[in-house]
Protein backbone atom coordinates (compact mmCIF):
# COMPACT_ATOMS: atom_id res chain seq x y z
CA UNK A 1 115.58 108.06 82.07
CA UNK A 2 115.06 106.27 85.42
CA UNK A 3 111.58 106.06 86.88
CA UNK A 4 111.13 107.91 90.16
CA UNK A 5 110.28 106.06 93.35
CA UNK A 6 107.78 108.32 95.10
CA UNK A 7 107.55 108.85 98.85
CA UNK A 8 104.47 107.32 100.45
CA UNK A 9 102.36 109.99 102.18
CA UNK A 10 101.65 109.11 105.82
CA UNK A 11 98.60 109.83 107.96
CA UNK A 12 97.69 112.55 109.12
CA UNK A 13 98.77 114.34 105.92
CA UNK A 14 95.72 116.21 104.60
CA UNK A 15 95.91 114.90 101.01
CA UNK A 16 94.85 111.48 102.36
CA UNK A 17 91.54 112.96 103.55
CA UNK A 18 90.61 114.78 100.34
CA UNK A 19 88.19 113.43 97.75
CA UNK A 20 90.19 112.81 94.59
CA UNK A 21 89.34 114.53 91.30
CA UNK A 22 88.45 112.68 88.10
CA UNK A 23 91.01 112.49 85.33
CA UNK A 24 89.68 113.62 81.94
CA UNK A 25 89.95 110.89 79.29
CA UNK A 26 92.09 113.17 77.12
CA UNK A 27 94.56 113.64 80.00
CA UNK A 28 95.36 109.93 80.39
CA UNK A 29 97.88 109.87 77.52
CA UNK A 30 99.66 113.02 78.70
CA UNK A 31 103.25 112.68 79.91
CA UNK A 32 102.20 113.86 83.39
CA UNK A 33 99.65 111.05 83.94
CA UNK A 34 101.77 108.40 82.22
CA UNK A 35 104.80 109.36 84.37
CA UNK A 36 102.63 109.21 87.48
CA UNK A 37 101.37 105.70 86.61
CA UNK A 38 104.91 104.46 85.91
CA UNK A 39 106.19 106.03 89.12
CA UNK A 40 103.34 104.49 91.13
CA UNK A 41 104.17 101.05 89.68
CA UNK A 42 107.86 101.49 90.49
CA UNK A 43 107.00 102.72 93.99
CA UNK A 44 104.70 99.77 94.70
CA UNK A 45 107.30 97.35 93.32
CA UNK A 46 109.78 98.71 95.88
CA UNK A 47 107.31 98.46 98.75
CA UNK A 48 107.62 95.02 100.34
CA UNK A 49 104.18 94.86 101.98
CA UNK A 50 101.98 96.68 99.48
CA UNK A 51 99.66 95.25 96.83
CA UNK A 52 97.73 98.43 96.02
CA UNK A 53 98.49 102.12 95.82
CA UNK A 54 96.23 105.14 95.32
CA UNK A 55 97.42 108.42 93.79
CA UNK A 56 96.61 110.23 97.04
CA UNK A 57 99.18 108.04 98.79
CA UNK A 58 101.86 109.69 96.67
CA UNK A 59 100.42 113.19 97.09
CA UNK A 60 98.16 113.42 94.00
CA UNK A 61 94.42 113.98 94.47
CA UNK A 62 93.45 112.07 91.33
CA UNK A 63 90.95 109.21 90.93
CA UNK A 64 93.63 106.67 90.13
CA UNK A 65 94.91 103.54 91.82
CA UNK A 66 96.86 100.42 90.92
CA UNK A 67 96.61 96.83 92.13
CA UNK A 68 99.46 94.35 91.85
CA UNK A 69 98.91 90.89 90.33
CA UNK A 70 100.37 89.70 93.63
CA UNK A 71 96.86 90.18 95.08
CA UNK A 72 95.60 87.47 92.67
CA UNK A 73 98.45 85.22 93.78
CA UNK A 74 97.45 85.73 97.43
CA UNK A 75 93.85 84.80 96.52
CA UNK A 76 95.11 81.57 94.93
CA UNK A 77 97.36 80.69 97.86
CA UNK A 78 94.48 81.32 100.29
CA UNK A 79 92.43 78.70 98.42
CA UNK A 80 94.99 75.97 99.17
CA UNK A 81 94.22 73.44 101.91
CA UNK A 82 95.81 74.27 105.29
CA UNK A 83 98.50 71.58 104.85
CA UNK A 84 99.70 73.25 101.70
CA UNK A 85 99.74 76.67 103.39
CA UNK A 86 102.52 75.66 105.79
CA UNK A 87 105.69 77.48 104.84
CA UNK A 88 103.72 79.83 102.59
CA UNK A 89 105.26 82.96 104.14
CA UNK A 90 108.76 81.77 103.22
CA UNK A 91 107.56 80.78 99.75
CA UNK A 92 105.82 84.16 99.27
CA UNK A 93 108.99 86.03 100.27
CA UNK A 94 111.02 83.98 97.79
CA UNK A 95 108.49 84.51 94.99
CA UNK A 96 108.36 88.25 95.70
CA UNK A 97 112.14 88.53 95.31
CA UNK A 98 112.13 86.75 91.96
CA UNK A 99 108.93 87.92 90.29
CA UNK A 100 108.16 91.16 88.56
CA UNK A 101 104.47 91.80 89.08
CA UNK A 102 102.11 93.35 86.59
CA UNK A 103 99.65 96.01 87.71
CA UNK A 104 96.02 96.74 86.93
CA UNK A 105 95.41 100.46 86.58
CA UNK A 106 92.04 101.92 87.64
CA UNK A 107 91.28 105.47 86.50
CA UNK A 108 87.95 107.05 87.55
CA UNK A 109 86.63 103.72 88.89
CA UNK A 110 82.90 103.22 89.44
CA UNK A 111 81.39 100.33 91.38
CA UNK A 112 78.90 98.48 89.18
CA UNK A 113 77.96 95.67 91.53
CA UNK A 114 78.90 94.26 94.90
CA UNK A 115 77.99 91.14 96.80
CA UNK A 116 75.83 91.24 99.91
CA UNK A 117 78.11 88.83 101.76
CA UNK A 118 80.81 90.50 103.80
CA UNK A 119 84.05 89.07 105.15
CA UNK A 120 86.03 90.37 108.12
CA UNK A 121 89.79 90.18 107.73
CA UNK A 122 93.00 91.93 108.69
CA UNK A 123 94.08 95.09 106.89
CA UNK A 124 96.94 97.51 107.01
CA UNK A 125 97.97 100.48 104.89
CA UNK A 126 101.22 101.86 103.55
CA UNK A 127 100.04 105.33 104.67
CA UNK A 128 99.32 104.12 108.21
CA UNK A 129 102.45 102.13 109.04
CA UNK A 130 102.46 99.76 112.00
CA UNK A 131 98.68 99.63 112.47
CA UNK A 132 96.53 96.63 111.59
CA UNK A 133 92.89 95.91 112.23
CA UNK A 134 89.94 93.76 111.26
CA UNK A 135 87.76 95.41 108.60
CA UNK A 136 84.48 94.10 107.18
CA UNK A 137 84.26 94.32 103.39
CA UNK A 138 82.14 92.78 100.64
CA UNK A 139 83.37 89.45 99.30
CA UNK A 140 82.97 90.34 95.60
CA UNK A 141 82.96 93.63 93.70
CA UNK A 142 82.66 94.63 90.04
CA UNK A 143 84.28 97.90 89.00
CA UNK A 144 84.36 99.77 85.70
CA UNK A 145 87.31 102.08 85.06
CA UNK A 146 89.67 103.36 82.42
CA UNK A 147 93.04 101.66 82.09
CA UNK A 148 96.35 103.41 81.45
CA UNK A 149 95.59 103.54 77.70
CA UNK A 150 92.20 105.18 78.36
CA UNK A 151 90.30 102.01 77.44
CA UNK A 152 87.17 101.16 79.44
CA UNK A 153 87.65 97.96 81.44
CA UNK A 154 85.46 95.97 83.81
CA UNK A 155 87.20 94.14 86.65
CA UNK A 156 85.73 91.64 89.07
CA UNK A 157 87.51 91.12 92.37
CA UNK A 158 86.79 88.38 94.87
CA UNK A 159 87.98 87.84 98.44
CA UNK A 160 91.43 89.44 98.87
CA UNK A 161 91.39 91.26 95.52
CA UNK A 162 87.93 92.66 96.36
CA UNK A 163 89.33 93.84 99.69
CA UNK A 164 92.25 95.61 98.01
CA UNK A 165 89.97 97.29 95.46
CA UNK A 166 87.62 98.53 98.21
CA UNK A 167 90.57 99.75 100.28
CA UNK A 168 91.90 101.74 97.30
CA UNK A 169 88.42 103.05 96.40
CA UNK A 170 88.20 104.38 99.96
CA UNK A 171 91.46 106.29 99.44
CA UNK A 172 89.87 108.06 96.46
CA UNK A 173 87.16 109.35 98.79
CA UNK A 174 89.52 110.40 101.59
CA UNK A 175 88.68 107.40 103.77
CA UNK A 176 91.35 105.33 105.54
CA UNK A 177 90.98 101.77 106.78
CA UNK A 178 91.42 103.06 110.34
CA UNK A 179 87.98 104.67 109.95
CA UNK A 180 86.42 101.22 109.44
CA UNK A 181 88.30 99.00 111.90
CA UNK A 182 86.08 96.72 113.98
CA UNK A 183 88.94 95.40 116.09
CA UNK A 184 92.58 96.46 116.36
CA UNK A 185 95.27 93.82 116.09
CA UNK A 186 98.40 93.78 118.23
CA UNK A 187 101.55 94.50 116.30
CA UNK A 188 104.91 92.97 117.17
């Protein structure tokens, strides 16, 4: 049976502004939640510019989001010296076409710790197409959640991964990045 690609909900759809509900531990293994996780992975895989996706972005008010391993790859490429970054966009496009990414699943995530240091950087959102802005977020975050098997996991995100996690956590509380923009960026 093929996995569904779900439509991405766009702002100002009300589901994006609702606080998501926790998923009971005994619900995680149900066909409904497992299908949703698989469909979210398939949807994100088909979305060229996305590295994270919250359940609310596909119309479900559940405390669930996924983050692509591509976010880790972006962190690594951002650590390269500027000389090595030249041509990175072409390289990233080529890698994206060839690689099948894995996804971290966060169910009922709770922030355990976050750094004091904040970094301002550009952000966009699949639910707010065509808009980009500078958002200030903490540089490092530690989150505890349940994975897709219902196992408790602790994840530490730094720099770009921390940004993605915070962006997705905001979705679970009905907050969009446009609520936090310090400066809008011109779009082509």
